[in-house]
PDB file of N, CA and C in Angstrom:
ATOM      1  N   MET A   1       5.074 -27.065   3.326  1.00  0.00           N
ATOM      2  CA  MET A   1       4.584 -25.720   3.108  1.00  0.00           C
ATOM      3  C   MET A   1       5.362 -25.073   1.962  1.00  0.00           C
ATOM      4  N   ASP A   2       4.716 -24.182   1.283  1.00  0.00           N
ATOM      5  CA  ASP A   2       5.281 -23.470   0.142  1.00  0.00           C
ATOM      6  C   ASP A   2       6.188 -22.343   0.646  1.00  0.00           C
ATOM      7  N   GLU A   3       7.499 -22.567   0.584  1.00  0.00           N
ATOM      8  CA  GLU A   3       8.460 -21.596   1.115  1.00  0.00           C
ATOM      9  C   GLU A   3       8.349 -20.243   0.426  1.00  0.00           C
ATOM     10  N   GLN A   4       8.105 -20.240  -0.875  1.00  0.00           N
ATOM     11  CA  GLN A   4       7.977 -18.984  -1.607  1.00  0.00           C
ATOM     12  C   GLN A   4       6.783 -18.168  -1.097  1.00  0.00           C
ATOM     13  N   LYS A   5       5.680 -18.848  -0.848  1.00  0.00           N
ATOM     14  CA  LYS A   5       4.486 -18.179  -0.333  1.00  0.00           C
ATOM     15  C   LYS A   5       4.747 -17.649   1.081  1.00  0.00           C
ATOM     16  N   ILE A   6       5.425 -18.437   1.895  1.00  0.00           N
ATOM     17  CA  ILE A   6       5.740 -18.024   3.258  1.00  0.00           C
ATOM     18  C   ILE A   6       6.565 -16.743   3.251  1.00  0.00           C
ATOM     19  N   VAL A   7       7.605 -16.701   2.442  1.00  0.00           N
ATOM     20  CA  VAL A   7       8.468 -15.521   2.368  1.00  0.00           C
ATOM     21  C   VAL A   7       7.649 -14.288   1.982  1.00  0.00           C
ATOM     22  N   HIS A   8       6.728 -14.449   1.058  1.00  0.00           N
ATOM     23  CA  HIS A   8       5.892 -13.338   0.605  1.00  0.00           C
ATOM     24  C   HIS A   8       4.934 -12.861   1.710  1.00  0.00           C
ATOM     25  N   MET A   9       4.512 -13.755   2.603  1.00  0.00           N
ATOM     26  CA  MET A   9       3.526 -13.414   3.633  1.00  0.00           C
ATOM     27  C   MET A   9       4.128 -12.761   4.883  1.00  0.00           C
ATOM     28  N   ILE A  10       5.404 -12.988   5.134  1.00  0.00           N
ATOM     29  CA  ILE A  10       6.035 -12.462   6.340  1.00  0.00           C
ATOM     30  C   ILE A  10       6.013 -10.927   6.318  1.00  0.00           C
ATOM     31  N   ASN A  11       5.698 -10.357   7.477  1.00  0.00           N
ATOM     32  CA  ASN A  11       5.613  -8.912   7.689  1.00  0.00           C
ATOM     33  C   ASN A  11       4.440  -8.260   6.961  1.00  0.00           C
ATOM     34  N   LYS A  12       3.483  -9.057   6.527  1.00  0.00           N
ATOM     35  CA  LYS A  12       2.284  -8.519   5.891  1.00  0.00           C
ATOM     36  C   LYS A  12       1.155  -8.473   6.920  1.00  0.00           C
ATOM     37  N   HIS A  13       0.232  -7.529   6.714  1.00  0.00           N
ATOM     38  CA  HIS A  13      -0.874  -7.323   7.651  1.00  0.00           C
ATOM     39  C   HIS A  13      -2.043  -8.259   7.313  1.00  0.00           C
ATOM     40  N   ILE A  14      -2.635  -8.846   8.343  1.00  0.00           N
ATOM     41  CA  ILE A  14      -3.727  -9.802   8.154  1.00  0.00           C
ATOM     42  C   ILE A  14      -4.880  -9.459   9.109  1.00  0.00           C
ATOM     43  N   ILE A  15      -6.105  -9.622   8.616  1.00  0.00           N
ATOM     44  CA  ILE A  15      -7.273  -9.525   9.490  1.00  0.00           C
ATOM     45  C   ILE A  15      -7.810 -10.934   9.700  1.00  0.00           C
ATOM     46  N   ILE A  16      -8.284 -11.181  10.919  1.00  0.00           N
ATOM     47  CA  ILE A  16      -8.705 -12.523  11.326  1.00  0.00           C
ATOM     48  C   ILE A  16     -10.114 -12.445  11.901  1.00  0.00           C
ATOM     49  N   GLY A  17     -10.980 -13.331  11.440  1.00  0.00           N
ATOM     50  CA  GLY A  17     -12.313 -13.463  12.001  1.00  0.00           C
ATOM     51  C   GLY A  17     -12.495 -14.867  12.534  1.00  0.00           C
ATOM     52  N   ILE A  18     -12.930 -14.970  13.768  1.00  0.00           N
ATOM     53  CA  ILE A  18     -13.137 -16.285  14.392  1.00  0.00           C
ATOM     54  C   ILE A  18     -14.543 -16.341  14.973  1.00  0.00           C
ATOM     55  N   THR A  19     -15.275 -17.397  14.607  1.00  0.00           N
ATOM     56  CA  THR A  19     -16.602 -17.647  15.156  1.00  0.00           C
ATOM     57  C   THR A  19     -16.530 -18.912  15.987  1.00  0.00           C
ATOM     58  N   ILE A  20     -17.031 -18.832  17.214  1.00  0.00           N
ATOM     59  CA  ILE A  20     -17.092 -20.015  18.081  1.00  0.00           C
ATOM     60  C   ILE A  20     -18.562 -20.368  18.234  1.00  0.00           C
ATOM     61  N   GLU A  21     -18.871 -21.625  17.936  1.00  0.00           N
ATOM     62  CA  GLU A  21     -20.263 -22.066  18.012  1.00  0.00           C
ATOM     63  C   GLU A  21     -20.367 -23.334  18.842  1.00  0.00           C
ATOM     64  N   ASP A  22     -21.600 -23.593  19.328  1.00  0.00           N
ATOM     65  CA  ASP A  22     -21.819 -24.831  20.073  1.00  0.00           C
ATOM     66  C   ASP A  22     -22.042 -25.973  19.085  1.00  0.00           C
ATOM     67  N   SER A  23     -22.255 -27.158  19.599  1.00  0.00           N
ATOM     68  CA  SER A  23     -22.392 -28.345  18.745  1.00  0.00           C
ATOM     69  C   SER A  23     -23.638 -28.309  17.871  1.00  0.00           C
ATOM     70  N   ASN A  24     -24.581 -27.408  18.173  1.00  0.00           N
ATOM     71  CA  ASN A  24     -25.795 -27.265  17.368  1.00  0.00           C
ATOM     72  C   ASN A  24     -25.695 -26.135  16.347  1.00  0.00           C
ATOM     73  N   GLY A  25     -24.524 -25.492  16.277  1.00  0.00           N
ATOM     74  CA  GLY A  25     -24.332 -24.419  15.314  1.00  0.00           C
ATOM     75  C   GLY A  25     -24.751 -23.042  15.797  1.00  0.00           C
ATOM     76  N   MET A  26     -25.120 -22.928  17.065  1.00  0.00           N
ATOM     77  CA  MET A  26     -25.479 -21.623  17.621  1.00  0.00           C
ATOM     78  C   MET A  26     -24.200 -20.830  17.922  1.00  0.00           C
ATOM     79  N   ILE A  27     -24.157 -19.586  17.474  1.00  0.00           N
ATOM     80  CA  ILE A  27     -22.972 -18.761  17.684  1.00  0.00           C
ATOM     81  C   ILE A  27     -22.869 -18.355  19.147  1.00  0.00           C
ATOM     82  N   LEU A  28     -21.712 -18.641  19.735  1.00  0.00           N
ATOM     83  CA  LEU A  28     -21.437 -18.296  21.128  1.00  0.00           C
ATOM     84  C   LEU A  28     -20.604 -17.020  21.230  1.00  0.00           C
ATOM     85  N   GLU A  29     -19.703 -16.845  20.267  1.00  0.00           N
ATOM     86  CA  GLU A  29     -18.781 -15.712  20.333  1.00  0.00           C
ATOM     87  C   GLU A  29     -18.199 -15.450  18.947  1.00  0.00           C
ATOM     88  N   GLN A  30     -17.942 -14.191  18.662  1.00  0.00           N
ATOM     89  CA  GLN A  30     -17.244 -13.814  17.434  1.00  0.00           C
ATOM     90  C   GLN A  30     -16.109 -12.875  17.808  1.00  0.00           C
ATOM     91  N   LYS A  31     -14.937 -13.116  17.221  1.00  0.00           N
ATOM     92  CA  LYS A  31     -13.756 -12.305  17.498  1.00  0.00           C
ATOM     93  C   LYS A  31     -13.217 -11.771  16.177  1.00  0.00           C
ATOM     94  N   GLN A  32     -12.729 -10.556  16.210  1.00  0.00           N
ATOM     95  CA  GLN A  32     -12.041  -9.975  15.073  1.00  0.00           C
ATOM     96  C   GLN A  32     -10.753  -9.370  15.595  1.00  0.00           C
ATOM     97  N   MET A  33      -9.656  -9.593  14.877  1.00  0.00           N
ATOM     98  CA  MET A  33      -8.367  -9.056  15.284  1.00  0.00           C
ATOM     99  C   MET A  33      -7.501  -8.876  14.047  1.00  0.00           C
ATOM    100  N   HIS A  34      -6.400  -8.179  14.214  1.00  0.00           N
ATOM    101  CA  HIS A  34      -5.489  -7.997  13.086  1.00  0.00           C
ATOM    102  C   HIS A  34      -4.079  -7.759  13.597  1.00  0.00           C
ATOM    103  N   GLY A  35      -3.127  -7.975  12.705  1.00  0.00           N
ATOM    104  CA  GLY A  35      -1.729  -7.783  13.059  1.00  0.00           C
ATOM    105  C   GLY A  35      -0.833  -8.189  11.911  1.00  0.00           C
ATOM    106  N   ASP A  36       0.449  -8.254  12.202  1.00  0.00           N
ATOM    107  CA  ASP A  36       1.440  -8.601  11.189  1.00  0.00           C
ATOM    108  C   ASP A  36       1.892 -10.050  11.351  1.00  0.00           C
ATOM    109  N   ILE A  37       1.997 -10.739  10.240  1.00  0.00           N
ATOM    110  CA  ILE A  37       2.499 -12.121  10.243  1.00  0.00           C
ATOM    111  C   ILE A  37       4.000 -12.048  10.498  1.00  0.00           C
ATOM    112  N   ILE A  38       4.468 -12.678  11.573  1.00  0.00           N
ATOM    113  CA  ILE A  38       5.885 -12.576  11.911  1.00  0.00           C
ATOM    114  C   ILE A  38       6.674 -13.858  11.613  1.00  0.00           C
ATOM    115  N   ARG A  39       5.992 -14.994  11.581  1.00  0.00           N
ATOM    116  CA  ARG A  39       6.665 -16.236  11.187  1.00  0.00           C
ATOM    117  C   ARG A  39       5.614 -17.295  10.877  1.00  0.00           C
ATOM    118  N   ILE A  40       6.044 -18.261  10.087  1.00  0.00           N
ATOM    119  CA  ILE A  40       5.178 -19.389   9.710  1.00  0.00           C
ATOM    120  C   ILE A  40       6.042 -20.638   9.693  1.00  0.00           C
ATOM    121  N   ASN A  41       5.595 -21.658  10.418  1.00  0.00           N
ATOM    122  CA  ASN A  41       6.306 -22.930  10.386  1.00  0.00           C
ATOM    123  C   ASN A  41       5.341 -24.046  10.780  1.00  0.00           C
ATOM    124  N   ASP A  42       5.779 -25.273  10.561  1.00  0.00           N
ATOM    125  CA  ASP A  42       4.922 -26.433  10.854  1.00  0.00           C
ATOM    126  C   ASP A  42       4.618 -26.573  12.342  1.00  0.00           C
ATOM    127  N   LYS A  43       5.562 -26.208  13.190  1.00  0.00           N
ATOM    128  CA  LYS A  43       5.392 -26.398  14.631  1.00  0.00           C
ATOM    129  C   LYS A  43       4.437 -25.370  15.245  1.00  0.00           C
ATOM    130  N   GLU A  44       4.631 -24.076  14.932  1.00  0.00           N
ATOM    131  CA  GLU A  44       3.828 -23.015  15.541  1.00  0.00           C
ATOM    132  C   GLU A  44       2.632 -22.597  14.694  1.00  0.00           C
ATOM    133  N   GLY A  45       2.684 -22.866  13.424  1.00  0.00           N
ATOM    134  CA  GLY A  45       1.626 -22.433  12.521  1.00  0.00           C
ATOM    135  C   GLY A  45       1.909 -21.037  11.995  1.00  0.00           C
ATOM    136  N   ILE A  46       0.848 -20.263  11.782  1.00  0.00           N
ATOM    137  CA  ILE A  46       0.961 -18.882  11.315  1.00  0.00           C
ATOM    138  C   ILE A  46       0.932 -18.002  12.567  1.00  0.00           C
ATOM    139  N   VAL A  47       2.029 -17.303  12.824  1.00  0.00           N
ATOM    140  CA  VAL A  47       2.162 -16.515  14.051  1.00  0.00           C
ATOM    141  C   VAL A  47       2.006 -15.036  13.698  1.00  0.00           C
ATOM    142  N   ILE A  48       1.058 -14.394  14.376  1.00  0.00           N
ATOM    143  CA  ILE A  48       0.731 -12.992  14.129  1.00  0.00           C
ATOM    144  C   ILE A  48       1.026 -12.185  15.388  1.00  0.00           C
ATOM    145  N   LYS A  49       1.726 -11.062  15.226  1.00  0.00           N
ATOM    146  CA  LYS A  49       1.889 -10.104  16.325  1.00  0.00           C
ATOM    147  C   LYS A  49       0.702  -9.168  16.220  1.00  0.00           C
ATOM    148  N   LEU A  50      -0.184  -9.243  17.200  1.00  0.00           N
ATOM    149  CA  LEU A  50      -1.411  -8.468  17.147  1.00  0.00           C
ATOM    150  C   LEU A  50      -1.131  -6.967  17.207  1.00  0.00           C
ATOM    151  N   HIS A  51      -1.956  -6.208  16.499  1.00  0.00           N
ATOM    152  CA  HIS A  51      -1.819  -4.756  16.401  1.00  0.00           C
ATOM    153  C   HIS A  51      -1.871  -4.104  17.781  1.00  0.00           C
ATOM    154  N   ASN A  52      -0.961  -3.165  18.010  1.00  0.00           N
ATOM    155  CA  ASN A  52      -0.882  -2.411  19.278  1.00  0.00           C
ATOM    156  C   ASN A  52      -0.738  -3.313  20.494  1.00  0.00           C
ATOM    157  N   SER A  53      -0.003  -4.405  20.334  1.00  0.00           N
ATOM    158  CA  SER A  53       0.158  -5.357  21.424  1.00  0.00           C
ATOM    159  C   SER A  53       1.467  -6.118  21.232  1.00  0.00           C
ATOM    160  N   GLU A  54       1.958  -6.684  22.304  1.00  0.00           N
ATOM    161  CA  GLU A  54       3.112  -7.585  22.209  1.00  0.00           C
ATOM    162  C   GLU A  54       2.645  -9.037  22.111  1.00  0.00           C
ATOM    163  N   THR A  55       1.324  -9.233  22.104  1.00  0.00           N
ATOM    164  CA  THR A  55       0.748 -10.567  22.081  1.00  0.00           C
ATOM    165  C   THR A  55       0.920 -11.227  20.718  1.00  0.00           C
ATOM    166  N   GLU A  56       1.308 -12.493  20.743  1.00  0.00           N
ATOM    167  CA  GLU A  56       1.367 -13.296  19.528  1.00  0.00           C
ATOM    168  C   GLU A  56       0.143 -14.198  19.494  1.00  0.00           C
ATOM    169  N   TYR A  57      -0.483 -14.285  18.336  1.00  0.00           N
ATOM    170  CA  TYR A  57      -1.646 -15.145  18.143  1.00  0.00           C
ATOM    171  C   TYR A  57      -1.274 -16.174  17.090  1.00  0.00           C
ATOM    172  N   LYS A  58      -1.599 -17.434  17.350  1.00  0.00           N
ATOM    173  CA  LYS A  58      -1.200 -18.510  16.450  1.00  0.00           C
ATOM    174  C   LYS A  58      -2.416 -19.151  15.793  1.00  0.00           C
ATOM    175  N   LEU A  59      -2.303 -19.322  14.480  1.00  0.00           N
ATOM    176  CA  LEU A  59      -3.304 -20.036  13.694  1.00  0.00           C
ATOM    177  C   LEU A  59      -2.693 -21.336  13.202  1.00  0.00           C
ATOM    178  N   PRO A  60      -3.516 -22.316  12.862  1.00  0.00           N
ATOM    179  CA  PRO A  60      -2.966 -23.559  12.302  1.00  0.00           C
ATOM    180  C   PRO A  60      -2.139 -23.268  11.037  1.00  0.00           C
ATOM    181  N   PRO A  61      -1.175 -24.142  10.721  1.00  0.00           N
ATOM    182  CA  PRO A  61      -0.292 -23.916   9.572  1.00  0.00           C
ATOM    183  C   PRO A  61      -0.958 -24.257   8.234  1.00  0.00           C
ATOM    184  N   ASP A  62      -2.110 -23.694   7.986  1.00  0.00           N
ATOM    185  CA  ASP A  62      -2.873 -23.960   6.762  1.00  0.00           C
ATOM    186  C   ASP A  62      -2.848 -22.711   5.885  1.00  0.00           C
ATOM    187  N   LEU A  63      -1.892 -22.633   4.970  1.00  0.00           N
ATOM    188  CA  LEU A  63      -1.758 -21.462   4.110  1.00  0.00           C
ATOM    189  C   LEU A  63      -2.953 -21.293   3.180  1.00  0.00           C
ATOM    190  N   ASP A  64      -3.650 -22.382   2.875  1.00  0.00           N
ATOM    191  CA  ASP A  64      -4.830 -22.292   2.005  1.00  0.00           C
ATOM    192  C   ASP A  64      -5.988 -21.552   2.671  1.00  0.00           C
ATOM    193  N   SER A  65      -5.935 -21.396   3.991  1.00  0.00           N
ATOM    194  CA  SER A  65      -7.000 -20.694   4.702  1.00  0.00           C
ATOM    195  C   SER A  65      -6.833 -19.173   4.644  1.00  0.00           C
ATOM    196  N   VAL A  66      -5.706 -18.730   4.119  1.00  0.00           N
ATOM    197  CA  VAL A  66      -5.403 -17.298   4.039  1.00  0.00           C
ATOM    198  C   VAL A  66      -5.589 -16.839   2.601  1.00  0.00           C
ATOM    199  N   GLN A  67      -6.392 -15.784   2.433  1.00  0.00           N
ATOM    200  CA  GLN A  67      -6.632 -15.228   1.099  1.00  0.00           C
ATOM    201  C   GLN A  67      -6.130 -13.791   1.053  1.00  0.00           C
ATOM    202  N   GLU A  68      -5.800 -13.328  -0.149  1.00  0.00           N
ATOM    203  CA  GLU A  68      -5.477 -11.919  -0.309  1.00  0.00           C
ATOM    204  C   GLU A  68      -6.742 -11.119  -0.050  1.00  0.00           C
ATOM    205  N   ALA A  69      -6.606 -10.018   0.670  1.00  0.00           N
ATOM    206  CA  ALA A  69      -7.764  -9.185   1.018  1.00  0.00           C
ATOM    207  C   ALA A  69      -7.973  -8.126  -0.071  1.00  0.00           C
ATOM    208  N   PRO A  70      -9.200  -7.976  -0.549  1.00  0.00           N
ATOM    209  CA  PRO A  70      -9.472  -6.884  -1.483  1.00  0.00           C
ATOM    210  C   PRO A  70      -9.204  -5.538  -0.805  1.00  0.00           C
ATOM    211  N   GLU A  71      -8.713  -4.571  -1.565  1.00  0.00           N
ATOM    212  CA  GLU A  71      -8.470  -3.240  -1.009  1.00  0.00           C
ATOM    213  C   GLU A  71      -9.747  -2.664  -0.436  1.00  0.00           C
ATOM    214  N   GLY A  72      -9.605  -1.903   0.639  1.00  0.00           N
ATOM    215  CA  GLY A  72     -10.768  -1.251   1.203  1.00  0.00           C
ATOM    216  C   GLY A  72     -10.681  -1.111   2.702  1.00  0.00           C
ATOM    217  N   GLU A  73     -11.792  -0.644   3.274  1.00  0.00           N
ATOM    218  CA  GLU A  73     -11.925  -0.481   4.719  1.00  0.00           C
ATOM    219  C   GLU A  73     -12.615  -1.698   5.300  1.00  0.00           C
ATOM    220  N   TYR A  74     -12.079  -2.195   6.394  1.00  0.00           N
ATOM    221  CA  TYR A  74     -12.682  -3.308   7.121  1.00  0.00           C
ATOM    222  C   TYR A  74     -12.997  -2.810   8.522  1.00  0.00           C
ATOM    223  N   ARG A  75     -14.290  -2.742   8.845  1.00  0.00           N
ATOM    224  CA  ARG A  75     -14.720  -2.241  10.149  1.00  0.00           C
ATOM    225  C   ARG A  75     -15.057  -3.426  11.047  1.00  0.00           C
ATOM    226  N   PHE A  76     -14.434  -3.462  12.231  1.00  0.00           N
ATOM    227  CA  PHE A  76     -14.711  -4.515  13.195  1.00  0.00           C
ATOM    228  C   PHE A  76     -15.981  -4.165  13.953  1.00  0.00           C
ATOM    229  N   ARG A  77     -16.946  -5.044  13.897  1.00  0.00           N
ATOM    230  CA  ARG A  77     -18.238  -4.798  14.539  1.00  0.00           C
ATOM    231  C   ARG A  77     -18.124  -4.606  16.042  1.00  0.00           C
ATOM    232  N   SER A  78     -17.274  -5.404  16.679  1.00  0.00           N
ATOM    233  CA  SER A  78     -17.203  -5.368  18.146  1.00  0.00           C
ATOM    234  C   SER A  78     -16.556  -4.097  18.685  1.00  0.00           C
ATOM    235  N   THR A  79     -15.622  -3.513  17.925  1.00  0.00           N
ATOM    236  CA  THR A  79     -14.878  -2.361  18.439  1.00  0.00           C
ATOM    237  C   THR A  79     -15.082  -1.087  17.621  1.00  0.00           C
ATOM    238  N   GLY A  80     -15.578  -1.222  16.398  1.00  0.00           N
ATOM    239  CA  GLY A  80     -15.704  -0.074  15.507  1.00  0.00           C
ATOM    240  C   GLY A  80     -14.391   0.300  14.845  1.00  0.00           C
ATOM    241  N   GLU A  81     -13.323  -0.417  15.171  1.00  0.00           N
ATOM    242  CA  GLU A  81     -12.009  -0.149  14.590  1.00  0.00           C
ATOM    243  C   GLU A  81     -12.054  -0.363  13.075  1.00  0.00           C
ATOM    244  N   ILE A  82     -11.343   0.476  12.346  1.00  0.00           N
ATOM    245  CA  ILE A  82     -11.269   0.349  10.895  1.00  0.00           C
ATOM    246  C   ILE A  82      -9.841  -0.026  10.511  1.00  0.00           C
ATOM    247  N   VAL A  83      -9.707  -1.073   9.710  1.00  0.00           N
ATOM    248  CA  VAL A  83      -8.408  -1.500   9.192  1.00  0.00           C
ATOM    249  C   VAL A  83      -8.429  -1.205   7.694  1.00  0.00           C
ATOM    250  N   LEU A  84      -7.455  -0.441   7.245  1.00  0.00           N
ATOM    251  CA  LEU A  84      -7.378  -0.054   5.834  1.00  0.00           C
ATOM    252  C   LEU A  84      -6.422  -0.957   5.068  1.00  0.00           C
ATOM    253  N   ASN A  85      -6.896  -1.494   3.984  1.00  0.00           N
ATOM    254  CA  ASN A  85      -6.082  -2.225   3.015  1.00  0.00           C
ATOM    255  C   ASN A  85      -5.142  -3.281   3.603  1.00  0.00           C
ATOM    256  N   PRO A  86      -5.662  -4.227   4.382  1.00  0.00           N
ATOM    257  CA  PRO A  86      -4.781  -5.310   4.850  1.00  0.00           C
ATOM    258  C   PRO A  86      -4.333  -6.142   3.649  1.00  0.00           C
ATOM    259  N   HIS A  87      -3.241  -6.833   3.803  1.00  0.00           N
ATOM    260  CA  HIS A  87      -2.745  -7.689   2.720  1.00  0.00           C
ATOM    261  C   HIS A  87      -3.534  -8.989   2.612  1.00  0.00           C
ATOM    262  N   TYR A  88      -3.855  -9.566   3.787  1.00  0.00           N
ATOM    263  CA  TYR A  88      -4.491 -10.885   3.824  1.00  0.00           C
ATOM    264  C   TYR A  88      -5.680 -10.898   4.769  1.00  0.00           C
ATOM    265  N   MET A  89      -6.506 -11.929   4.610  1.00  0.00           N
ATOM    266  CA  MET A  89      -7.632 -12.149   5.508  1.00  0.00           C
ATOM    267  C   MET A  89      -7.840 -13.650   5.676  1.00  0.00           C
ATOM    268  N   THR A  90      -8.395 -14.023   6.830  1.00  0.00           N
ATOM    269  CA  THR A  90      -8.727 -15.427   7.089  1.00  0.00           C
ATOM    270  C   THR A  90      -9.897 -15.480   8.063  1.00  0.00           C
ATOM    271  N   THR A  91     -10.727 -16.476   7.894  1.00  0.00           N
ATOM    272  CA  THR A  91     -11.836 -16.696   8.822  1.00  0.00           C
ATOM    273  C   THR A  91     -11.832 -18.147   9.259  1.00  0.00           C
ATOM    274  N   TRP A  92     -12.226 -18.346  10.500  1.00  0.00           N
ATOM    275  CA  TRP A  92     -12.253 -19.681  11.081  1.00  0.00           C
ATOM    276  C   TRP A  92     -13.546 -19.849  11.872  1.00  0.00           C
ATOM    277  N   THR A  93     -14.084 -21.062  11.856  1.00  0.00           N
ATOM    278  CA  THR A  93     -15.216 -21.427  12.707  1.00  0.00           C
ATOM    279  C   THR A  93     -14.772 -22.578  13.594  1.00  0.00           C
ATOM    280  N   ILE A  94     -14.941 -22.388  14.886  1.00  0.00           N
ATOM    281  CA  ILE A  94     -14.595 -23.414  15.867  1.00  0.00           C
ATOM    282  C   ILE A  94     -15.901 -23.931  16.454  1.00  0.00           C
ATOM    283  N   THR A  95     -16.118 -25.236  16.339  1.00  0.00           N
ATOM    284  CA  THR A  95     -17.328 -25.847  16.874  1.00  0.00           C
ATOM    285  C   THR A  95     -16.963 -26.625  18.130  1.00  0.00           C
ATOM    286  N   LYS A  96     -17.589 -26.241  19.235  1.00  0.00           N
ATOM    287  CA  LYS A  96     -17.340 -26.941  20.493  1.00  0.00           C
ATOM    288  C   LYS A  96     -18.025 -28.310  20.439  1.00  0.00           C
ATOM    289  N   PRO A  97     -17.428 -29.318  21.042  1.00  0.00           N
ATOM    290  CA  PRO A  97     -18.031 -30.646  21.025  1.00  0.00           C
ATOM    291  C   PRO A  97     -19.306 -30.692  21.880  1.00  0.00           C
ATOM    292  N   ASP A  98     -20.160 -31.618  21.556  1.00  0.00           N
ATOM    293  CA  ASP A  98     -21.391 -31.829  22.325  1.00  0.00           C
ATOM    294  C   ASP A  98     -20.994 -32.336  23.700  1.00  0.00           C
ATOM    295  N   PRO A  99     -21.405 -31.643  24.775  1.00  0.00           N
ATOM    296  CA  PRO A  99     -21.006 -32.058  26.126  1.00  0.00           C
ATOM    297  C   PRO A  99     -21.610 -33.406  26.536  1.00  0.00           C
ATOM    298  N   ASN A 100     -22.633 -33.869  25.813  1.00  0.00           N
ATOM    299  CA  ASN A 100     -23.271 -35.152  26.131  1.00  0.00           C
ATOM    300  C   ASN A 100     -22.612 -36.340  25.446  1.00  0.00           C
ATOM    301  N   GLU A 101     -21.605 -36.078  24.642  1.00  0.00           N
ATOM    302  CA  GLU A 101     -20.947 -37.186  23.925  1.00  0.00           C
ATOM    303  C   GLU A 101     -19.649 -37.554  24.569  1.00  0.00           C
TER     304      GLU A 101
END
């Protein structure tokens, strides 16, 4: 992992979008969350302390999946919450395996 990039990302705010779909590509669930990146390492991945919570959320240690977020308002569809000017953003799609395989 790029240590210089890691140092720059620590304590920065990130918004996360996760889509869970079945094996046919049908969307089962969508999640949106945000928080501060508190640590990054090979073992735990990208660890985020979720906003207004003591909960830690872990993403895989793939720094290429994180992009700088353009300035602006980000409104979460599920909650109506607005996040202003986060530093980073990432989206993930999780495909559940076919139960018949």
